[in-house]
C-alpha atoms as a PDB file:
ATOM      1  CA  MET A   1     184.081 100.816  39.844  1.00  0.00           C
ATOM      2  CA  ILE A   2     182.879 103.844  41.656  1.00  0.00           C
ATOM      3  CA  LEU A   3     180.102 105.823  40.222  1.00  0.00           C
ATOM      4  CA  ILE A   4     179.135 107.897  43.286  1.00  0.00           C
ATOM      5  CA  ASP A   5     181.002 110.017  45.866  1.00  0.00           C
ATOM      6  CA  PRO A   6     183.438 107.699  47.191  1.00  0.00           C
ATOM      7  CA  SER A   7     182.031 108.482  51.023  1.00  0.00           C
ATOM      8  CA  ILE A   8     178.675 107.382  50.090  1.00  0.00           C
ATOM      9  CA  ASP A   9     180.266 104.299  48.127  1.00  0.00           C
ATOM     10  CA  ALA A  10     182.039 103.567  51.447  1.00  0.00           C
ATOM     11  CA  PHE A  11     179.046 103.801  53.608  1.00  0.00           C
ATOM     12  CA  TYR A  12     176.873 101.290  51.939  1.00  0.00           C
ATOM     13  CA  SER A  13     179.797  98.728  51.151  1.00  0.00           C
ATOM     14  CA  GLN A  14     180.550  98.895  55.111  1.00  0.00           C
ATOM     15  CA  SER A  15     176.865  99.324  56.172  1.00  0.00           C
ATOM     16  CA  SER A  16     174.266  96.412  55.989  1.00  0.00           C
ATOM     17  CA  GLU A  17     171.638  97.396  53.379  1.00  0.00           C
ATOM     18  CA  ASP A  18     170.685  93.417  52.975  1.00  0.00           C
ATOM     19  CA  THR A  19     169.180  93.497  56.413  1.00  0.00           C
ATOM     20  CA  ARG A  20     168.019  97.061  56.931  1.00  0.00           C
ATOM     21  CA  LEU A  21     164.622  96.670  56.046  1.00  0.00           C
ATOM     22  CA  THR A  22     164.379  93.952  58.483  1.00  0.00           C
ATOM     23  CA  VAL A  23     165.566  95.779  61.819  1.00  0.00           C
ATOM     24  CA  GLY A  24     164.456  98.964  63.880  1.00  0.00           C
ATOM     25  CA  LEU A  25     162.199 101.365  61.628  1.00  0.00           C
ATOM     26  CA  GLY A  26     163.178  99.231  58.306  1.00  0.00           C
ATOM     27  CA  PRO A  27     160.270  96.754  58.824  1.00  0.00           C
ATOM     28  CA  LEU A  28     157.557  99.719  58.848  1.00  0.00           C
ATOM     29  CA  GLU A  29     159.156 101.250  55.858  1.00  0.00           C
ATOM     30  CA  PHE A  30     159.258  98.239  53.655  1.00  0.00           C
ATOM     31  CA  GLU A  31     155.446  97.607  54.498  1.00  0.00           C
ATOM     32  CA  ARG A  32     154.676 101.188  53.706  1.00  0.00           C
ATOM     33  CA  ASN A  33     156.630 101.487  50.560  1.00  0.00           C
ATOM     34  CA  LYS A  34     155.283  98.460  49.307  1.00  0.00           C
ATOM     35  CA  GLU A  35     151.831  99.489  50.067  1.00  0.00           C
ATOM     36  CA  LEU A  36     152.264 103.016  48.135  1.00  0.00           C
ATOM     37  CA  ILE A  37     154.218 101.589  45.320  1.00  0.00           C
ATOM     38  CA  ALA A  38     151.477  99.336  44.436  1.00  0.00           C
ATOM     39  CA  ARG A  39     149.164 101.817  45.001  1.00  0.00           C
ATOM     40  CA  HIS A  40     150.424 103.729  42.118  1.00  0.00           C
ATOM     41  CA  LEU A  41     151.427 100.851  39.939  1.00  0.00           C
ATOM     42  CA  PRO A  42     149.530 101.030  36.363  1.00  0.00           C
ATOM     43  CA  PRO A  43     147.397  98.397  35.716  1.00  0.00           C
ATOM     44  CA  GLY A  44     148.526  95.132  33.972  1.00  0.00           C
ATOM     45  CA  LYS A  45     151.869  93.897  33.671  1.00  0.00           C
ATOM     46  CA  CYS A  46     155.104  96.715  33.188  1.00  0.00           C
ATOM     47  CA  LEU A  47     158.450  97.643  33.052  1.00  0.00           C
ATOM     48  CA  VAL A  48     159.965  99.190  36.162  1.00  0.00           C
ATOM     49  CA  ALA A  49     163.117 100.937  36.581  1.00  0.00           C
ATOM     50  CA  ASP A  50     164.106 100.490  40.374  1.00  0.00           C
ATOM     51  CA  VAL A  51     166.739 103.362  40.363  1.00  0.00           C
ATOM     52  CA  GLY A  52     169.029 102.934  43.768  1.00  0.00           C
ATOM     53  CA  GLY A  53     167.174  99.988  44.284  1.00  0.00           C
ATOM     54  CA  GLY A  54     170.096  98.506  46.733  1.00  0.00           C
ATOM     55  CA  ALA A  55     170.040  95.005  47.548  1.00  0.00           C
ATOM     56  CA  GLY A  56     166.880  94.374  45.738  1.00  0.00           C
ATOM     57  CA  HIS A  57     164.130  93.854  48.380  1.00  0.00           C
ATOM     58  CA  TYR A  58     161.518  95.866  46.216  1.00  0.00           C
ATOM     59  CA  ALA A  59     162.624  94.361  42.778  1.00  0.00           C
ATOM     60  CA  GLN A  60     162.393  90.855  44.289  1.00  0.00           C
ATOM     61  CA  TRP A  61     158.848  91.692  45.691  1.00  0.00           C
ATOM     62  CA  LEU A  62     157.839  93.648  42.223  1.00  0.00           C
ATOM     63  CA  ALA A  63     158.871  90.687  39.970  1.00  0.00           C
ATOM     64  CA  GLY A  64     156.851  88.386  42.422  1.00  0.00           C
ATOM     65  CA  LEU A  65     154.267  90.580  41.191  1.00  0.00           C
ATOM     66  CA  GLY A  66     154.879  89.808  37.371  1.00  0.00           C
ATOM     67  CA  HIS A  67     156.519  93.044  36.767  1.00  0.00           C
ATOM     68  CA  HIS A  68     159.519  93.384  34.368  1.00  0.00           C
ATOM     69  CA  VAL A  69     162.046  94.685  36.688  1.00  0.00           C
ATOM     70  CA  ILE A  70     165.491  96.205  36.134  1.00  0.00           C
ATOM     71  CA  LEU A  71     167.342  97.233  39.068  1.00  0.00           C
ATOM     72  CA  ILE A  72     169.930  99.664  38.969  1.00  0.00           C
ATOM     73  CA  ASP A  73     172.116 100.853  41.751  1.00  0.00           C
ATOM     74  CA  PRO A  74     176.024 102.283  41.836  1.00  0.00           C
ATOM     75  CA  VAL A  75     177.134 100.083  44.566  1.00  0.00           C
ATOM     76  CA  LEU A  76     178.853  96.883  43.528  1.00  0.00           C
ATOM     77  CA  LYS A  77     178.238  95.296  46.983  1.00  0.00           C
ATOM     78  CA  HIS A  78     174.000  96.254  46.173  1.00  0.00           C
ATOM     79  CA  ILE A  79     174.322  94.701  42.680  1.00  0.00           C
ATOM     80  CA  ARG A  80     175.698  91.533  44.038  1.00  0.00           C
ATOM     81  CA  GLN A  81     173.178  90.888  46.711  1.00  0.00           C
ATOM     82  CA  ALA A  82     170.774  91.815  44.463  1.00  0.00           C
ATOM     83  CA  GLU A  83     171.677  89.414  41.704  1.00  0.00           C
ATOM     84  CA  ARG A  84     171.658  86.865  44.758  1.00  0.00           C
ATOM     85  CA  ARG A  85     168.184  87.898  45.363  1.00  0.00           C
ATOM     86  CA  SER A  86     166.978  87.358  41.861  1.00  0.00           C
ATOM     87  CA  LYS A  87     167.881  83.877  41.576  1.00  0.00           C
ATOM     88  CA  GLN A  88     165.548  82.980  44.681  1.00  0.00           C
ATOM     89  CA  GLY A  89     162.246  83.821  43.061  1.00  0.00           C
ATOM     90  CA  LYS A  90     161.061  85.317  39.919  1.00  0.00           C
ATOM     91  CA  PRO A  91     164.088  86.921  38.267  1.00  0.00           C
ATOM     92  CA  PHE A  92     165.078  90.646  37.563  1.00  0.00           C
ATOM     93  CA  LYS A  93     167.802  92.302  35.611  1.00  0.00           C
ATOM     94  CA  THR A  94     170.454  94.301  37.643  1.00  0.00           C
ATOM     95  CA  ILE A  95     172.827  97.028  36.393  1.00  0.00           C
ATOM     96  CA  GLN A  96     175.237  98.721  38.067  1.00  0.00           C
ATOM     97  CA  GLY A  97     174.595 102.249  37.192  1.00  0.00           C
ATOM     98  CA  GLU A  98     174.158 105.727  38.271  1.00  0.00           C
ATOM     99  CA  ALA A  99     170.921 107.698  38.226  1.00  0.00           C
ATOM    100  CA  ARG A 100     172.481 111.008  36.334  1.00  0.00           C
ATOM    101  CA  ARG A 101     173.442 108.548  33.068  1.00  0.00           C
ATOM    102  CA  LEU A 102     170.517 105.732  33.661  1.00  0.00           C
ATOM    103  CA  PRO A 103     171.626 102.759  30.944  1.00  0.00           C
ATOM    104  CA  LEU A 104     168.009 102.399  29.521  1.00  0.00           C
ATOM    105  CA  ASP A 105     166.568 103.253  26.228  1.00  0.00           C
ATOM    106  CA  ASP A 106     164.516 106.229  25.793  1.00  0.00           C
ATOM    107  CA  HIS A 107     160.773 106.096  26.609  1.00  0.00           C
ATOM    108  CA  SER A 108     161.286 102.357  27.894  1.00  0.00           C
ATOM    109  CA  ALA A 109     160.372 102.345  31.575  1.00  0.00           C
ATOM    110  CA  ASP A 110     156.368 102.483  32.666  1.00  0.00           C
ATOM    111  CA  VAL A 111     157.574 102.950  36.200  1.00  0.00           C
ATOM    112  CA  VAL A 112     160.785 104.582  37.856  1.00  0.00           C
ATOM    113  CA  ILE A 113     161.100 104.369  41.252  1.00  0.00           C
ATOM    114  CA  LEU A 114     163.941 106.704  42.626  1.00  0.00           C
ATOM    115  CA  HIS A 115     164.891 104.946  46.147  1.00  0.00           C
ATOM    116  CA  GLY A 116     167.977 106.687  46.889  1.00  0.00           C
ATOM    117  CA  PRO A 117     169.480 109.051  44.373  1.00  0.00           C
ATOM    118  CA  LEU A 118     167.347 112.215  45.407  1.00  0.00           C
ATOM    119  CA  TYR A 119     168.628 112.398  48.691  1.00  0.00           C
ATOM    120  CA  HIS A 120     172.570 111.587  47.937  1.00  0.00           C
ATOM    121  CA  LEU A 121     172.988 113.934  45.403  1.00  0.00           C
ATOM    122  CA  GLN A 122     173.576 117.214  47.423  1.00  0.00           C
ATOM    123  CA  GLU A 123     174.062 119.649  44.376  1.00  0.00           C
ATOM    124  CA  GLU A 124     170.444 120.646  42.987  1.00  0.00           C
ATOM    125  CA  ALA A 125     171.965 120.588  39.609  1.00  0.00           C
ATOM    126  CA  ASP A 126     172.531 116.967  40.002  1.00  0.00           C
ATOM    127  CA  ARG A 127     169.214 116.061  41.263  1.00  0.00           C
ATOM    128  CA  ILE A 128     167.869 117.905  38.163  1.00  0.00           C
ATOM    129  CA  ALA A 129     170.186 116.031  36.007  1.00  0.00           C
ATOM    130  CA  THR A 130     168.465 112.935  37.293  1.00  0.00           C
ATOM    131  CA  ILE A 131     165.089 113.930  36.703  1.00  0.00           C
ATOM    132  CA  LYS A 132     165.822 114.466  32.980  1.00  0.00           C
ATOM    133  CA  GLU A 133     167.463 111.154  32.838  1.00  0.00           C
ATOM    134  CA  VAL A 134     163.954 109.649  34.195  1.00  0.00           C
ATOM    135  CA  ARG A 135     161.816 111.638  31.729  1.00  0.00           C
ATOM    136  CA  ARG A 136     164.018 110.841  28.969  1.00  0.00           C
ATOM    137  CA  VAL A 137     163.612 107.005  29.891  1.00  0.00           C
ATOM    138  CA  LEU A 138     160.186 107.187  30.880  1.00  0.00           C
ATOM    139  CA  ARG A 139     156.955 106.485  28.452  1.00  0.00           C
ATOM    140  CA  ILE A 140     154.486 109.206  27.760  1.00  0.00           C
ATOM    141  CA  ASN A 141     152.142 107.604  30.202  1.00  0.00           C
ATOM    142  CA  GLY A 142     154.467 106.484  32.788  1.00  0.00           C
ATOM    143  CA  VAL A 143     154.814 107.478  36.512  1.00  0.00           C
ATOM    144  CA  VAL A 144     157.478 108.479  38.818  1.00  0.00           C
ATOM    145  CA  LEU A 145     157.643 107.578  42.497  1.00  0.00           C
ATOM    146  CA  ALA A 146     160.115 109.480  44.219  1.00  0.00           C
ATOM    147  CA  PHE A 147     161.348 109.158  47.482  1.00  0.00           C
ATOM    148  CA  ALA A 148     162.801 111.772  49.701  1.00  0.00           C
ATOM    149  CA  ILE A 149     164.068 112.312  53.333  1.00  0.00           C
ATOM    150  CA  THR A 150     162.135 114.974  54.864  1.00  0.00           C
ATOM    151  CA  ARG A 151     163.891 118.122  55.996  1.00  0.00           C
ATOM    152  CA  ALA A 152     163.462 117.582  59.904  1.00  0.00           C
ATOM    153  CA  ALA A 153     164.278 113.910  60.212  1.00  0.00           C
ATOM    154  CA  THR A 154     166.990 113.729  62.195  1.00  0.00           C
ATOM    155  CA  ALA A 155     166.104 116.512  64.301  1.00  0.00           C
ATOM    156  CA  ILE A 156     163.161 114.742  65.551  1.00  0.00           C
ATOM    157  CA  ALA A 157     164.949 111.612  65.717  1.00  0.00           C
ATOM    158  CA  ALA A 158     167.842 113.323  67.558  1.00  0.00           C
ATOM    159  CA  LEU A 159     164.859 115.052  69.926  1.00  0.00           C
ATOM    160  CA  GLN A 160     163.214 111.396  70.398  1.00  0.00           C
ATOM    161  CA  GLY A 161     166.559 109.652  71.255  1.00  0.00           C
ATOM    162  CA  GLY A 162     167.942 112.500  73.682  1.00  0.00           C
ATOM    163  CA  MET A 163     170.873 113.119  71.336  1.00  0.00           C
ATOM    164  CA  ILE A 164     170.321 116.669  70.626  1.00  0.00           C
ATOM    165  CA  HIS A 165     172.310 118.261  73.012  1.00  0.00           C
ATOM    166  CA  GLN A 166     175.458 116.521  71.801  1.00  0.00           C
ATOM    167  CA  PRO A 167     177.233 119.460  70.280  1.00  0.00           C
ATOM    168  CA  ASP A 168     178.116 117.849  67.032  1.00  0.00           C
ATOM    169  CA  VAL A 169     174.602 116.567  66.407  1.00  0.00           C
ATOM    170  CA  PHE A 170     172.922 119.603  67.299  1.00  0.00           C
ATOM    171  CA  ALA A 171     175.441 121.486  64.519  1.00  0.00           C
ATOM    172  CA  MET A 172     174.537 118.866  61.823  1.00  0.00           C
ATOM    173  CA  CYS A 173     170.699 119.104  62.608  1.00  0.00           C
ATOM    174  CA  ARG A 174     171.094 123.112  62.401  1.00  0.00           C
ATOM    175  CA  GLU A 175     172.932 122.597  59.254  1.00  0.00           C
ATOM    176  CA  GLU A 176     170.039 120.274  57.859  1.00  0.00           C
ATOM    177  CA  LEU A 177     167.372 122.499  58.815  1.00  0.00           C
ATOM    178  CA  GLN A 178     168.845 125.957  57.425  1.00  0.00           C
ATOM    179  CA  SER A 179     170.077 124.258  53.787  1.00  0.00           C
ATOM    180  CA  GLY A 180     169.030 120.727  53.673  1.00  0.00           C
ATOM    181  CA  ASN A 181     172.555 119.354  53.615  1.00  0.00           C
ATOM    182  CA  HIS A 182     173.512 116.291  55.810  1.00  0.00           C
ATOM    183  CA  HIS A 183     176.872 115.796  56.775  1.00  0.00           C
ATOM    184  CA  PRO A 184     177.303 112.877  59.501  1.00  0.00           C
ATOM    185  CA  PRO A 185     179.735 113.943  62.429  1.00  0.00           C
ATOM    186  CA  SER A 186     182.793 111.905  62.260  1.00  0.00           C
ATOM    187  CA  ASN A 187     182.641 110.913  65.617  1.00  0.00           C
ATOM    188  CA  PHE A 188     179.240 108.988  65.032  1.00  0.00           C
ATOM    189  CA  PRO A 189     180.412 105.924  62.721  1.00  0.00           C
ATOM    190  CA  GLY A 190     177.378 104.133  60.803  1.00  0.00           C
ATOM    191  CA  MET A 191     175.399 107.560  60.667  1.00  0.00           C
ATOM    192  CA  LEU A 192     173.539 107.735  56.937  1.00  0.00           C
ATOM    193  CA  ALA A 193     176.370 109.188  54.408  1.00  0.00           C
ATOM    194  CA  GLN A 194     176.244 112.890  53.087  1.00  0.00           C
ATOM    195  CA  ALA A 195     172.526 113.172  51.635  1.00  0.00           C
ATOM    196  CA  TYR A 196     170.115 116.300  51.206  1.00  0.00           C
ATOM    197  CA  PHE A 197     166.994 116.582  52.583  1.00  0.00           C
ATOM    198  CA  HIS A 198     163.944 117.988  50.958  1.00  0.00           C
ATOM    199  CA  ARG A 199     161.241 120.122  52.121  1.00  0.00           C
ATOM    200  CA  PRO A 200     157.866 118.924  50.077  1.00  0.00           C
ATOM    201  CA  ASP A 201     157.392 122.073  48.453  1.00  0.00           C
ATOM    202  CA  GLU A 202     160.948 121.761  47.000  1.00  0.00           C
ATOM    203  CA  LEU A 203     160.523 118.036  45.763  1.00  0.00           C
ATOM    204  CA  VAL A 204     157.642 119.138  43.639  1.00  0.00           C
ATOM    205  CA  ALA A 205     159.316 122.068  42.259  1.00  0.00           C
ATOM    206  CA  GLU A 206     162.505 120.224  41.439  1.00  0.00           C
ATOM    207  CA  PHE A 207     160.136 117.999  39.319  1.00  0.00           C
ATOM    208  CA  GLU A 208     158.241 120.837  37.928  1.00  0.00           C
ATOM    209  CA  SER A 209     161.271 122.500  36.716  1.00  0.00           C
ATOM    210  CA  VAL A 210     161.663 119.156  34.130  1.00  0.00           C
ATOM    211  CA  GLY A 211     158.335 119.350  32.553  1.00  0.00           C
ATOM    212  CA  PHE A 212     156.569 116.627  35.629  1.00  0.00           C
ATOM    213  CA  GLN A 213     153.114 117.645  37.499  1.00  0.00           C
ATOM    214  CA  ALA A 214     152.636 116.007  40.946  1.00  0.00           C
ATOM    215  CA  THR A 215     149.652 113.829  41.638  1.00  0.00           C
ATOM    216  CA  ASP A 216     150.502 112.880  44.854  1.00  0.00           C
ATOM    217  CA  GLN A 217     152.749 113.353  47.850  1.00  0.00           C
ATOM    218  CA  LEU A 218     152.568 111.065  50.843  1.00  0.00           C
ATOM    219  CA  PRO A 219     154.218 110.208  54.149  1.00  0.00           C
ATOM    220  CA  VAL A 220     156.109 106.904  54.481  1.00  0.00           C
ATOM    221  CA  GLU A 221     156.506 106.434  57.870  1.00  0.00           C
ATOM    222  CA  GLY A 222     154.143 109.099  59.021  1.00  0.00           C
ATOM    223  CA  MET A 223     154.062 109.785  62.616  1.00  0.00           C
ATOM    224  CA  ALA A 224     153.454 106.267  63.600  1.00  0.00           C
ATOM    225  CA  TRP A 225     157.514 106.063  64.369  1.00  0.00           C
ATOM    226  CA  LEU A 226     157.112 108.347  67.457  1.00  0.00           C
ATOM    227  CA  ASP A 227     155.059 106.028  69.117  1.00  0.00           C
ATOM    228  CA  GLY A 228     157.606 105.559  72.597  1.00  0.00           C
ATOM    229  CA  GLN A 229     157.335 101.799  72.539  1.00  0.00           C
ATOM    230  CA  PHE A 230     157.399 101.486  68.842  1.00  0.00           C
ATOM    231  CA  PHE A 231     159.187  98.151  68.572  1.00  0.00           C
ATOM    232  CA  GLN A 232     156.893  96.389  71.320  1.00  0.00           C
ATOM    233  CA  SER A 233     154.128  98.064  69.546  1.00  0.00           C
ATOM    234  CA  TRP A 234     155.197  96.721  66.150  1.00  0.00           C
ATOM    235  CA  ALA A 235     155.556  93.186  67.022  1.00  0.00           C
ATOM    236  CA  SER A 236     151.790  93.122  68.116  1.00  0.00           C
ATOM    237  CA  PRO A 237     149.382  92.546  65.305  1.00  0.00           C
ATOM    238  CA  GLU A 238     146.754  94.439  66.583  1.00  0.00           C
ATOM    239  CA  LYS A 239     148.830  97.586  67.895  1.00  0.00           C
ATOM    240  CA  ARG A 240     150.682  97.423  64.329  1.00  0.00           C
ATOM    241  CA  GLN A 241     147.402  97.670  62.253  1.00  0.00           C
ATOM    242  CA  ARG A 242     146.353 100.631  64.847  1.00  0.00           C
ATOM    243  CA  LEU A 243     149.681 102.400  63.753  1.00  0.00           C
ATOM    244  CA  LEU A 244     149.529 101.666  60.056  1.00  0.00           C
ATOM    245  CA  GLN A 245     145.666 102.860  60.248  1.00  0.00           C
ATOM    246  CA  LEU A 246     146.926 105.828  62.137  1.00  0.00           C
ATOM    247  CA  ILE A 247     149.398 106.886  59.043  1.00  0.00           C
ATOM    248  CA  ARG A 248     146.334 106.153  56.524  1.00  0.00           C
ATOM    249  CA  LEU A 249     144.265 108.597  58.562  1.00  0.00           C
ATOM    250  CA  THR A 250     146.645 111.119  58.575  1.00  0.00           C
ATOM    251  CA  GLU A 251     148.610 110.937  54.971  1.00  0.00           C
ATOM    252  CA  ARG A 252     146.689 113.241  53.256  1.00  0.00           C
ATOM    253  CA  ASP A 253     147.464 116.231  55.652  1.00  0.00           C
ATOM    254  CA  ARG A 254     150.432 117.534  53.932  1.00  0.00           C
ATOM    255  CA  SER A 255     151.115 120.165  57.122  1.00  0.00           C
ATOM    256  CA  LEU A 256     152.095 116.594  58.821  1.00  0.00           C
ATOM    257  CA  LEU A 257     154.653 115.504  55.848  1.00  0.00           C
ATOM    258  CA  CYS A 258     157.619 116.736  58.071  1.00  0.00           C
ATOM    259  CA  LEU A 259     156.837 114.347  60.859  1.00  0.00           C
ATOM    260  CA  SER A 260     157.579 111.527  58.679  1.00  0.00           C
ATOM    261  CA  PRO A 261     161.301 110.475  58.105  1.00  0.00           C
ATOM    262  CA  HIS A 262     160.653 109.822  54.568  1.00  0.00           C
ATOM    263  CA  MET A 263     157.914 110.891  52.040  1.00  0.00           C
ATOM    264  CA  MET A 264     156.744 109.791  48.381  1.00  0.00           C
ATOM    265  CA  GLY A 265     156.007 112.057  45.593  1.00  0.00           C
ATOM    266  CA  VAL A 266     154.067 111.045  42.409  1.00  0.00           C
ATOM    267  CA  PHE A 267     154.660 112.478  39.361  1.00  0.00           C
ATOM    268  CA  VAL A 268     153.592 112.403  35.756  1.00  0.00           C
ATOM    269  CA  LEU A 269     154.997 114.168  32.503  1.00  0.00           C
ATOM    270  CA  ASN A 270     153.167 117.512  31.993  1.00  0.00           C
ATOM    271  CA  LEU A 271     151.869 116.872  28.379  1.00  0.00           C
ATOM    272  CA  ASP A 272     150.912 120.806  28.327  1.00  0.00           C
ATOM    273  CA  VAL A 273     154.624 121.820  28.723  1.00  0.00           C
END
């Protein structure tokens, strides 16, 4: 059953999402995401809807903290991987489903985490439909933790990696910077499937249009990934802590959000709307 664009389903069916957070920049992303999510969880045990939860890394962690977790993902391969991970510790529920039609009851979730839907839905109408679904399933005092890819993410990576002068890569970056739409060149297999890259104000505006208000907006990797010797630094406990400290020192400066590949928005219902 294919619930999303076939190119996106094919990308994740062929890639290794199960190991992605253990290689490259994945460990930094995983460490920071857990830190940011934990910082914004309501007190006590809660029901967490992990939408676009992939292979279940975060669901497993959250279940281990004692929360009731429902992982929803459109890719069957991810659901099977998550099911295996659920059996390795505190169990969590897995459902193959899609963000615009969440298989959840009204006002049932204390927390909704959006990992992939906002950047794999290129049409604004589809992203708004997702946010409306989140509003439907969220409890009145609940919180939404929405992850997005920042507008300049690929351009900075291409500059850093010396690929910006490849004509197809430059054309891709130009389109992203101008419209937010990401279309990977066909001659670069393995690159992220079609996506939408947000500006910080766009992310807030989309949620505000559905009756949410932003309470926080934070970088995930921050500028730490620009360390010219990142992998060596991350392998050193002392240097790793310095990189994490650098991110925390600068995470409140919204003018620096564009330097982070990912950002997280924190939203609650605006009860005055």
